[in-house]
């Protein structure tokens, strides 16, 4: 999928297929008038619709969580964006459990996230993926993730992030269809996007490409799953996030 096509889909998801479409339309107008690069326009996750109730729970296992804290700490020190992939599975009850992480902690770009170096390792994982892995663990869920430092987007997704999530779903399924020869059905693989921002939220968004419900949807229940099987609620969409200064600014936009 070419980026321009993904961009048009992202625009439709925000400005047509979203209950807060007026907010996003006003936000786009405001930031474009200020001379923003369209891909750098902040997209507050707070105003995305929620994923379905049956699928609105994510667990991050402790080994993955600890690596995420290390990654976030690097960004806090350097203000550089750090790219990473998280690999998980959808359980029978609809919840998602993230079990493994692939990261590039030597990423050193403040302006944008470069996934090139870790994509090689990730591609090999997809080549070797066996259909019995999915039968055993559940539907494969791949999370494309990165950190944000202090900047023009900061605590929000950028519009460019959302464009990337649209492309990523298409790229993953096409890659598996072309290069995996172990019987894996590309439709047994799904994707989400995640942002770790300066206010310490764990924001996860799902791009649904089903034509009947196409759009971006946020998860509101994200938990740390400890080694002794306890579930600890993690911050997401928190009041600490500068989501365009919350409702005061929102009323000005509207």
C-alpha atoms as a PDB file:
ATOM      1  CA  UNK A   1       0.000   0.000   0.000  1.00  0.00           C
ATOM      2  CA  UNK A   2       1.401   3.398  -1.004  1.00  0.00           C
ATOM      3  CA  UNK A   3       1.584   6.040   1.695  1.00  0.00           C
ATOM      4  CA  UNK A   4      -0.830   8.352  -0.124  1.00  0.00           C
ATOM      5  CA  UNK A   5      -3.478   5.616  -0.089  1.00  0.00           C
ATOM      6  CA  UNK A   6      -2.863   4.992   3.612  1.00  0.00           C
ATOM      7  CA  UNK A   7      -3.115   8.745   4.232  1.00  0.00           C
ATOM      8  CA  UNK A   8      -6.515   8.938   2.544  1.00  0.00           C
ATOM      9  CA  UNK A   9      -7.755   6.002   4.618  1.00  0.00           C
ATOM     10  CA  UNK A  10      -6.526   7.640   7.828  1.00  0.00           C
ATOM     11  CA  UNK A  11      -8.299  10.874   6.923  1.00  0.00           C
ATOM     12  CA  UNK A  12     -11.536   8.989   6.317  1.00  0.00           C
ATOM     13  CA  UNK A  13     -11.208   7.146   9.631  1.00  0.00           C
ATOM     14  CA  UNK A  14     -10.797  10.392  11.573  1.00  0.00           C
ATOM     15  CA  UNK A  15     -13.035  12.799   9.687  1.00  0.00           C
ATOM     16  CA  UNK A  16     -15.865  10.466   8.679  1.00  0.00           C
ATOM     17  CA  UNK A  17     -15.823   7.237  10.706  1.00  0.00           C
ATOM     18  CA  UNK A  18     -15.379   8.688  14.187  1.00  0.00           C
ATOM     19  CA  UNK A  19     -17.926   9.955  16.702  1.00  0.00           C
ATOM     20  CA  UNK A  20     -15.633  12.933  17.438  1.00  0.00           C
ATOM     21  CA  UNK A  21     -15.088  13.767  13.773  1.00  0.00           C
ATOM     22  CA  UNK A  22     -15.913  17.464  14.344  1.00  0.00           C
ATOM     23  CA  UNK A  23     -13.162  17.740  16.958  1.00  0.00           C
ATOM     24  CA  UNK A  24     -10.575  16.262  14.611  1.00  0.00           C
ATOM     25  CA  UNK A  25     -11.763  18.382  11.673  1.00  0.00           C
ATOM     26  CA  UNK A  26     -11.410  21.563  13.725  1.00  0.00           C
ATOM     27  CA  UNK A  27      -8.041  20.384  15.026  1.00  0.00           C
ATOM     28  CA  UNK A  28      -6.740  19.756  11.500  1.00  0.00           C
ATOM     29  CA  UNK A  29      -7.903  23.202  10.397  1.00  0.00           C
ATOM     30  CA  UNK A  30      -6.238  24.872  13.383  1.00  0.00           C
ATOM     31  CA  UNK A  31      -2.852  23.218  12.974  1.00  0.00           C
ATOM     32  CA  UNK A  32      -2.763  23.521   9.191  1.00  0.00           C
ATOM     33  CA  UNK A  33      -3.442  27.254   9.592  1.00  0.00           C
ATOM     34  CA  UNK A  34      -0.452  27.373  11.944  1.00  0.00           C
ATOM     35  CA  UNK A  35       1.735  25.918   9.191  1.00  0.00           C
ATOM     36  CA  UNK A  36       2.116  22.390  10.594  1.00  0.00           C
ATOM     37  CA  UNK A  37       3.302  19.591   8.361  1.00  0.00           C
ATOM     38  CA  UNK A  38       0.089  17.503   8.100  1.00  0.00           C
ATOM     39  CA  UNK A  39       1.909  14.386   9.302  1.00  0.00           C
ATOM     40  CA  UNK A  40       2.966  16.217  12.481  1.00  0.00           C
ATOM     41  CA  UNK A  41      -0.552  17.221  13.487  1.00  0.00           C
ATOM     42  CA  UNK A  42      -1.219  15.848  16.996  1.00  0.00           C
ATOM     43  CA  UNK A  43      -3.977  13.244  17.263  1.00  0.00           C
ATOM     44  CA  UNK A  44      -5.235  13.006  20.873  1.00  0.00           C
ATOM     45  CA  UNK A  45      -6.046   9.342  21.571  1.00  0.00           C
ATOM     46  CA  UNK A  46      -8.583  10.468  24.165  1.00  0.00           C
ATOM     47  CA  UNK A  47     -11.083  11.256  21.389  1.00  0.00           C
ATOM     48  CA  UNK A  48     -10.815   8.045  19.403  1.00  0.00           C
ATOM     49  CA  UNK A  49     -13.725   5.641  19.805  1.00  0.00           C
ATOM     50  CA  UNK A  50     -13.244   2.597  22.062  1.00  0.00           C
ATOM     51  CA  UNK A  51     -12.609  -0.895  20.760  1.00  0.00           C
ATOM     52  CA  UNK A  52     -15.454  -3.340  21.319  1.00  0.00           C
ATOM     53  CA  UNK A  53     -16.128  -4.238  24.946  1.00  0.00           C
ATOM     54  CA  UNK A  54     -15.194  -7.896  24.410  1.00  0.00           C
ATOM     55  CA  UNK A  55     -11.709  -6.974  23.151  1.00  0.00           C
ATOM     56  CA  UNK A  56     -10.943  -3.979  25.349  1.00  0.00           C
ATOM     57  CA  UNK A  57      -8.332  -5.599  27.613  1.00  0.00           C
ATOM     58  CA  UNK A  58      -4.573  -5.789  26.995  1.00  0.00           C
ATOM     59  CA  UNK A  59      -2.038  -7.510  29.239  1.00  0.00           C
ATOM     60  CA  UNK A  60       1.684  -6.727  29.015  1.00  0.00           C
ATOM     61  CA  UNK A  61       3.798  -9.462  30.588  1.00  0.00           C
ATOM     62  CA  UNK A  62       6.392  -8.364  33.116  1.00  0.00           C
ATOM     63  CA  UNK A  63       9.453  -9.139  30.966  1.00  0.00           C
ATOM     64  CA  UNK A  64       8.062  -6.921  28.183  1.00  0.00           C
ATOM     65  CA  UNK A  65       7.024  -4.208  30.631  1.00  0.00           C
ATOM     66  CA  UNK A  66      10.525  -4.010  32.114  1.00  0.00           C
ATOM     67  CA  UNK A  67      12.025  -3.569  28.647  1.00  0.00           C
ATOM     68  CA  UNK A  68       9.485  -0.842  27.899  1.00  0.00           C
ATOM     69  CA  UNK A  69      10.564   1.046  31.019  1.00  0.00           C
ATOM     70  CA  UNK A  70      14.195   0.862  29.861  1.00  0.00           C
ATOM     71  CA  UNK A  71      13.195   2.199  26.452  1.00  0.00           C
ATOM     72  CA  UNK A  72      11.181   5.025  27.959  1.00  0.00           C
ATOM     73  CA  UNK A  73      14.095   5.947  30.211  1.00  0.00           C
ATOM     74  CA  UNK A  74      16.395   6.298  27.195  1.00  0.00           C
ATOM     75  CA  UNK A  75      13.917   8.676  25.582  1.00  0.00           C
ATOM     76  CA  UNK A  76      13.642  10.689  28.800  1.00  0.00           C
ATOM     77  CA  UNK A  77      17.444  11.115  28.815  1.00  0.00           C
ATOM     78  CA  UNK A  78      18.023  11.703  25.091  1.00  0.00           C
ATOM     79  CA  UNK A  79      14.602  12.895  23.845  1.00  0.00           C
ATOM     80  CA  UNK A  80      15.085  10.464  20.935  1.00  0.00           C
ATOM     81  CA  UNK A  81      12.292   8.294  19.548  1.00  0.00           C
ATOM     82  CA  UNK A  82      12.911   4.576  20.087  1.00  0.00           C
ATOM     83  CA  UNK A  83      11.236   1.994  17.788  1.00  0.00           C
ATOM     84  CA  UNK A  84      10.114  -1.466  18.882  1.00  0.00           C
ATOM     85  CA  UNK A  85       7.744  -4.313  18.035  1.00  0.00           C
ATOM     86  CA  UNK A  86       5.753  -6.257  20.618  1.00  0.00           C
ATOM     87  CA  UNK A  87       4.427  -9.728  19.827  1.00  0.00           C
ATOM     88  CA  UNK A  88       1.302 -11.079  21.483  1.00  0.00           C
ATOM     89  CA  UNK A  89      -1.710 -13.307  21.035  1.00  0.00           C
ATOM     90  CA  UNK A  90      -5.462 -12.877  21.310  1.00  0.00           C
ATOM     91  CA  UNK A  91      -6.954 -15.153  23.948  1.00  0.00           C
ATOM     92  CA  UNK A  92     -10.241 -17.033  23.653  1.00  0.00           C
ATOM     93  CA  UNK A  93     -11.959 -14.394  25.789  1.00  0.00           C
ATOM     94  CA  UNK A  94     -10.864 -11.665  23.375  1.00  0.00           C
ATOM     95  CA  UNK A  95      -8.125 -10.120  25.527  1.00  0.00           C
ATOM     96  CA  UNK A  96      -4.606  -9.644  24.159  1.00  0.00           C
ATOM     97  CA  UNK A  97      -1.425 -10.758  25.949  1.00  0.00           C
ATOM     98  CA  UNK A  98       1.920  -9.324  24.815  1.00  0.00           C
ATOM     99  CA  UNK A  99       4.789 -11.750  25.475  1.00  0.00           C
ATOM    100  CA  UNK A 100       7.891 -10.661  23.539  1.00  0.00           C
ATOM    101  CA  UNK A 101       9.563  -7.466  22.379  1.00  0.00           C
ATOM    102  CA  UNK A 102      12.051  -6.556  19.641  1.00  0.00           C
ATOM    103  CA  UNK A 103      13.638  -3.126  20.083  1.00  0.00           C
ATOM    104  CA  UNK A 104      16.386  -0.896  18.688  1.00  0.00           C
ATOM    105  CA  UNK A 105      17.699   1.059  21.662  1.00  0.00           C
ATOM    106  CA  UNK A 106      20.456   2.597  19.524  1.00  0.00           C
ATOM    107  CA  UNK A 107      17.896   4.557  17.505  1.00  0.00           C
ATOM    108  CA  UNK A 108      19.134   8.138  17.620  1.00  0.00           C
ATOM    109  CA  UNK A 109      16.654  10.238  15.659  1.00  0.00           C
ATOM    110  CA  UNK A 110      14.711  12.999  17.356  1.00  0.00           C
ATOM    111  CA  UNK A 111      12.673  13.767  14.258  1.00  0.00           C
ATOM    112  CA  UNK A 112      11.296  10.390  13.279  1.00  0.00           C
ATOM    113  CA  UNK A 113      11.416   6.723  14.147  1.00  0.00           C
ATOM    114  CA  UNK A 114      13.489   4.425  11.919  1.00  0.00           C
ATOM    115  CA  UNK A 115      12.452   0.751  12.028  1.00  0.00           C
ATOM    116  CA  UNK A 116      14.945  -0.450   9.409  1.00  0.00           C
ATOM    117  CA  UNK A 117      17.413  -2.167  11.740  1.00  0.00           C
ATOM    118  CA  UNK A 118      14.864  -4.194  13.695  1.00  0.00           C
ATOM    119  CA  UNK A 119      12.729  -5.002  10.657  1.00  0.00           C
ATOM    120  CA  UNK A 120      15.338  -7.551   9.534  1.00  0.00           C
ATOM    121  CA  UNK A 121      14.958  -9.561  12.759  1.00  0.00           C
ATOM    122  CA  UNK A 122      11.208  -9.175  12.742  1.00  0.00           C
ATOM    123  CA  UNK A 123      10.911 -10.320   9.127  1.00  0.00           C
ATOM    124  CA  UNK A 124      12.793 -13.512   9.971  1.00  0.00           C
ATOM    125  CA  UNK A 125      10.351 -14.183  12.809  1.00  0.00           C
ATOM    126  CA  UNK A 126       7.446 -13.883  10.370  1.00  0.00           C
ATOM    127  CA  UNK A 127       9.140 -16.193   7.852  1.00  0.00           C
ATOM    128  CA  UNK A 128       9.554 -18.902  10.479  1.00  0.00           C
ATOM    129  CA  UNK A 129       6.105 -18.519  12.053  1.00  0.00           C
ATOM    130  CA  UNK A 130       4.203 -21.812  12.046  1.00  0.00           C
ATOM    131  CA  UNK A 131       0.432 -22.165  11.921  1.00  0.00           C
ATOM    132  CA  UNK A 132       0.629 -24.462  14.960  1.00  0.00           C
ATOM    133  CA  UNK A 133       1.983 -21.482  16.954  1.00  0.00           C
ATOM    134  CA  UNK A 134      -1.245 -19.645  16.250  1.00  0.00           C
ATOM    135  CA  UNK A 135      -3.386 -22.700  16.936  1.00  0.00           C
ATOM    136  CA  UNK A 136      -1.674 -23.087  20.299  1.00  0.00           C
ATOM    137  CA  UNK A 137      -1.487 -19.457  21.438  1.00  0.00           C
ATOM    138  CA  UNK A 138      -4.312 -17.714  19.589  1.00  0.00           C
ATOM    139  CA  UNK A 139      -4.472 -15.095  16.855  1.00  0.00           C
ATOM    140  CA  UNK A 140      -1.117 -13.342  16.443  1.00  0.00           C
ATOM    141  CA  UNK A 141      -1.200  -9.646  17.393  1.00  0.00           C
ATOM    142  CA  UNK A 142       1.767  -7.517  16.342  1.00  0.00           C
ATOM    143  CA  UNK A 143       2.182  -4.115  17.927  1.00  0.00           C
ATOM    144  CA  UNK A 144       4.219  -1.477  16.110  1.00  0.00           C
ATOM    145  CA  UNK A 145       5.461   0.917  18.736  1.00  0.00           C
ATOM    146  CA  UNK A 146       7.646   3.889  19.513  1.00  0.00           C
ATOM    147  CA  UNK A 147       8.333   6.525  22.124  1.00  0.00           C
ATOM    148  CA  UNK A 148       7.785  10.263  21.910  1.00  0.00           C
ATOM    149  CA  UNK A 149      10.035  12.827  23.499  1.00  0.00           C
ATOM    150  CA  UNK A 150       9.183  16.433  24.238  1.00  0.00           C
ATOM    151  CA  UNK A 151       8.172  18.083  20.986  1.00  0.00           C
ATOM    152  CA  UNK A 152       5.326  19.338  18.824  1.00  0.00           C
ATOM    153  CA  UNK A 153       3.419  16.056  19.137  1.00  0.00           C
ATOM    154  CA  UNK A 154       4.624  14.898  22.548  1.00  0.00           C
ATOM    155  CA  UNK A 155       1.809  13.150  24.456  1.00  0.00           C
ATOM    156  CA  UNK A 156      -0.326  12.568  21.349  1.00  0.00           C
ATOM    157  CA  UNK A 157      -0.090  10.287  18.360  1.00  0.00           C
ATOM    158  CA  UNK A 158       0.837  12.183  15.214  1.00  0.00           C
ATOM    159  CA  UNK A 159      -1.239  11.931  12.074  1.00  0.00           C
ATOM    160  CA  UNK A 160       1.827  10.321  10.491  1.00  0.00           C
ATOM    161  CA  UNK A 161       1.743   7.631  13.197  1.00  0.00           C
ATOM    162  CA  UNK A 162      -1.801   6.703  12.208  1.00  0.00           C
ATOM    163  CA  UNK A 163      -0.891   6.623   8.530  1.00  0.00           C
ATOM    164  CA  UNK A 164       1.918   4.230   9.444  1.00  0.00           C
ATOM    165  CA  UNK A 165      -0.472   1.919  11.317  1.00  0.00           C
ATOM    166  CA  UNK A 166      -2.712   1.686   8.244  1.00  0.00           C
ATOM    167  CA  UNK A 167       0.267   0.754   6.058  1.00  0.00           C
ATOM    168  CA  UNK A 168       1.676  -1.645   8.634  1.00  0.00           C
ATOM    169  CA  UNK A 169      -1.387  -3.904   8.669  1.00  0.00           C
ATOM    170  CA  UNK A 170      -1.275  -4.229   4.894  1.00  0.00           C
ATOM    171  CA  UNK A 171       2.499  -4.779   4.860  1.00  0.00           C
ATOM    172  CA  UNK A 172       2.393  -7.526   7.481  1.00  0.00           C
ATOM    173  CA  UNK A 173      -0.331  -9.525   5.782  1.00  0.00           C
ATOM    174  CA  UNK A 174       1.261  -9.167   2.345  1.00  0.00           C
ATOM    175  CA  UNK A 175       4.657 -10.213   3.729  1.00  0.00           C
ATOM    176  CA  UNK A 176       3.242 -13.350   5.363  1.00  0.00           C
ATOM    177  CA  UNK A 177       1.327 -14.216   2.215  1.00  0.00           C
ATOM    178  CA  UNK A 178       4.476 -13.881   0.091  1.00  0.00           C
ATOM    179  CA  UNK A 179       7.316 -15.158   2.286  1.00  0.00           C
ATOM    180  CA  UNK A 180       5.853 -17.504   4.883  1.00  0.00           C
ATOM    181  CA  UNK A 181       5.440 -21.027   3.496  1.00  0.00           C
ATOM    182  CA  UNK A 182       4.397 -22.807   6.689  1.00  0.00           C
ATOM    183  CA  UNK A 183       0.643 -22.653   6.260  1.00  0.00           C
ATOM    184  CA  UNK A 184      -0.012 -19.397   8.132  1.00  0.00           C
ATOM    185  CA  UNK A 185      -3.204 -17.611   7.079  1.00  0.00           C
ATOM    186  CA  UNK A 186      -2.505 -13.848   6.862  1.00  0.00           C
ATOM    187  CA  UNK A 187      -5.987 -13.237   8.272  1.00  0.00           C
ATOM    188  CA  UNK A 188      -4.874 -14.964  11.486  1.00  0.00           C
ATOM    189  CA  UNK A 189      -2.541 -12.018  12.085  1.00  0.00           C
ATOM    190  CA  UNK A 190      -3.640  -8.587  13.244  1.00  0.00           C
ATOM    191  CA  UNK A 191      -1.876  -5.382  14.227  1.00  0.00           C
ATOM    192  CA  UNK A 192      -2.128  -2.513  16.682  1.00  0.00           C
ATOM    193  CA  UNK A 193      -0.052   0.585  17.358  1.00  0.00           C
ATOM    194  CA  UNK A 194       1.335   1.826  20.647  1.00  0.00           C
ATOM    195  CA  UNK A 195       2.766   5.080  21.919  1.00  0.00           C
ATOM    196  CA  UNK A 196       4.784   5.627  25.098  1.00  0.00           C
ATOM    197  CA  UNK A 197       4.767   9.361  25.681  1.00  0.00           C
ATOM    198  CA  UNK A 198       6.429  11.819  28.111  1.00  0.00           C
ATOM    199  CA  UNK A 199       3.518  11.684  30.569  1.00  0.00           C
ATOM    200  CA  UNK A 200       4.171   7.917  30.988  1.00  0.00           C
ATOM    201  CA  UNK A 201       0.970   6.651  29.371  1.00  0.00           C
ATOM    202  CA  UNK A 202       0.716   3.345  27.527  1.00  0.00           C
ATOM    203  CA  UNK A 203      -1.618   4.292  24.663  1.00  0.00           C
ATOM    204  CA  UNK A 204      -2.672   1.538  22.267  1.00  0.00           C
ATOM    205  CA  UNK A 205      -4.753   2.077  19.124  1.00  0.00           C
ATOM    206  CA  UNK A 206      -6.323  -0.451  16.770  1.00  0.00           C
ATOM    207  CA  UNK A 207      -6.876   0.233  13.079  1.00  0.00           C
ATOM    208  CA  UNK A 208      -9.855  -1.837  11.923  1.00  0.00           C
ATOM    209  CA  UNK A 209      -9.867  -2.328   8.156  1.00  0.00           C
ATOM    210  CA  UNK A 210     -13.273  -4.026   8.086  1.00  0.00           C
ATOM    211  CA  UNK A 211     -15.240  -1.882   5.575  1.00  0.00           C
ATOM    212  CA  UNK A 212     -18.307  -1.923   7.831  1.00  0.00           C
ATOM    213  CA  UNK A 213     -16.487  -0.510  10.871  1.00  0.00           C
ATOM    214  CA  UNK A 214     -13.321   0.963   9.432  1.00  0.00           C
ATOM    215  CA  UNK A 215     -11.641   3.328  11.862  1.00  0.00           C
ATOM    216  CA  UNK A 216      -9.188   3.877  14.699  1.00  0.00           C
ATOM    217  CA  UNK A 217     -10.158   2.578  18.127  1.00  0.00           C
ATOM    218  CA  UNK A 218      -8.437   3.020  21.497  1.00  0.00           C
ATOM    219  CA  UNK A 219      -7.943   0.473  24.277  1.00  0.00           C
ATOM    220  CA  UNK A 220      -8.932   1.728  27.712  1.00  0.00           C
ATOM    221  CA  UNK A 221      -7.912  -1.267  29.862  1.00  0.00           C
ATOM    222  CA  UNK A 222      -4.164  -1.945  29.747  1.00  0.00           C
ATOM    223  CA  UNK A 223      -2.583  -4.057  32.482  1.00  0.00           C
ATOM    224  CA  UNK A 224       0.826  -5.225  33.615  1.00  0.00           C
ATOM    225  CA  UNK A 225       0.676  -9.001  34.065  1.00  0.00           C
ATOM    226  CA  UNK A 226       3.207  -9.898  36.766  1.00  0.00           C
ATOM    227  CA  UNK A 227       5.130 -13.148  37.034  1.00  0.00           C
ATOM    228  CA  UNK A 228       2.865 -14.226  39.889  1.00  0.00           C
ATOM    229  CA  UNK A 229      -0.162 -13.602  37.622  1.00  0.00           C
ATOM    230  CA  UNK A 230      -1.383 -10.361  39.182  1.00  0.00           C
ATOM    231  CA  UNK A 231      -2.932  -7.685  36.961  1.00  0.00           C
ATOM    232  CA  UNK A 232      -1.955  -4.046  37.632  1.00  0.00           C
ATOM    233  CA  UNK A 233      -3.739  -1.306  35.696  1.00  0.00           C
ATOM    234  CA  UNK A 234      -1.306   0.866  33.726  1.00  0.00           C
ATOM    235  CA  UNK A 235      -1.842   4.561  32.969  1.00  0.00           C
ATOM    236  CA  UNK A 236      -3.358   5.383  29.605  1.00  0.00           C
ATOM    237  CA  UNK A 237      -5.311   8.406  28.373  1.00  0.00           C
ATOM    238  CA  UNK A 238      -4.413   9.941  31.720  1.00  0.00           C
ATOM    239  CA  UNK A 239      -5.040  13.414  33.029  1.00  0.00           C
ATOM    240  CA  UNK A 240      -1.267  13.955  32.940  1.00  0.00           C
ATOM    241  CA  UNK A 241      -1.299  13.909  29.143  1.00  0.00           C
ATOM    242  CA  UNK A 242      -1.403  17.259  27.353  1.00  0.00           C
ATOM    243  CA  UNK A 243      -4.059  16.158  24.874  1.00  0.00           C
ATOM    244  CA  UNK A 244      -4.374  19.641  23.388  1.00  0.00           C
ATOM    245  CA  UNK A 245      -5.019  21.030  26.867  1.00  0.00           C
ATOM    246  CA  UNK A 246      -8.106  18.923  27.412  1.00  0.00           C
ATOM    247  CA  UNK A 247     -11.624  20.273  27.350  1.00  0.00           C
ATOM    248  CA  UNK A 248     -10.730  23.952  27.759  1.00  0.00           C
ATOM    249  CA  UNK A 249      -8.852  23.960  24.481  1.00  0.00           C
ATOM    250  CA  UNK A 250     -11.401  21.651  22.908  1.00  0.00           C
ATOM    251  CA  UNK A 251     -14.188  24.155  23.490  1.00  0.00           C
ATOM    252  CA  UNK A 252     -12.066  26.807  21.793  1.00  0.00           C
ATOM    253  CA  UNK A 253     -11.562  24.510  18.800  1.00  0.00           C
ATOM    254  CA  UNK A 254     -15.292  23.837  18.510  1.00  0.00           C
END
